[in-house]
Amino acid sequence: MPTTDEQNRRDFADVMEFFGGTPTGKDRPLDSRPYYSSPSVPSGPFDDLIRDTAARYGVREDIARAMAYAESGFNPRALGKVLPEGDRAKGLYQFRDMTAQEEGIDPFDPAQATDAALRRMRRHLDQFGGRYDLAVASHIMGPEGAARSGGRFNPEVSDYVGRIIGS
């Protein structure tokens, strides 16, 4: 009987084969598939900033905008709920204190938060062969958790990813 990790690797390979890609995304860019269609996101006060930063990092603008909208409603002063460890997410892209410190940013500064969020998104896209589902999931479950999931998310993460990239 295969372990969960072995089964996840097999399932991931099966999905990649079905869509004609490879785990590194070299055969065909995974983010060009029609199932990556972001929901309609209203215009916000940071559209120019998000567009320019997304272009700089090679991240899809619609995904970057959808993420800022889902996280904060485009409110750079937004505060998330207090977590059990006493931390809370802050700002446009809802950075926790530890992550903001690692990135060297003020999470309430829209330019710094957008740059850090999309720089991290680029790293996660590179790590996951261009898979936006895993890169977006990394924002809330970390890249290790996204890698372990192989794209099989719990309902909370699945809902979040669906709101960002569509279904």
Foldseek 3Di string as FASTA:
>chain_A
DDDLQVVLVVVLQVVCVVVVAGQQRPRHQPCVDPQQAADDDDDDPCLVLLVVLCVVLVHDSLLLRLQLCVQAVNQQADWADQDPVRWIFGGSNGDTPVLCVVQVHDSSDVNSVSNSLSNQLSVLCSVRNNDNLLSQLCSPPNNVVSVSCSNPDDPVSVVSSCNRRND
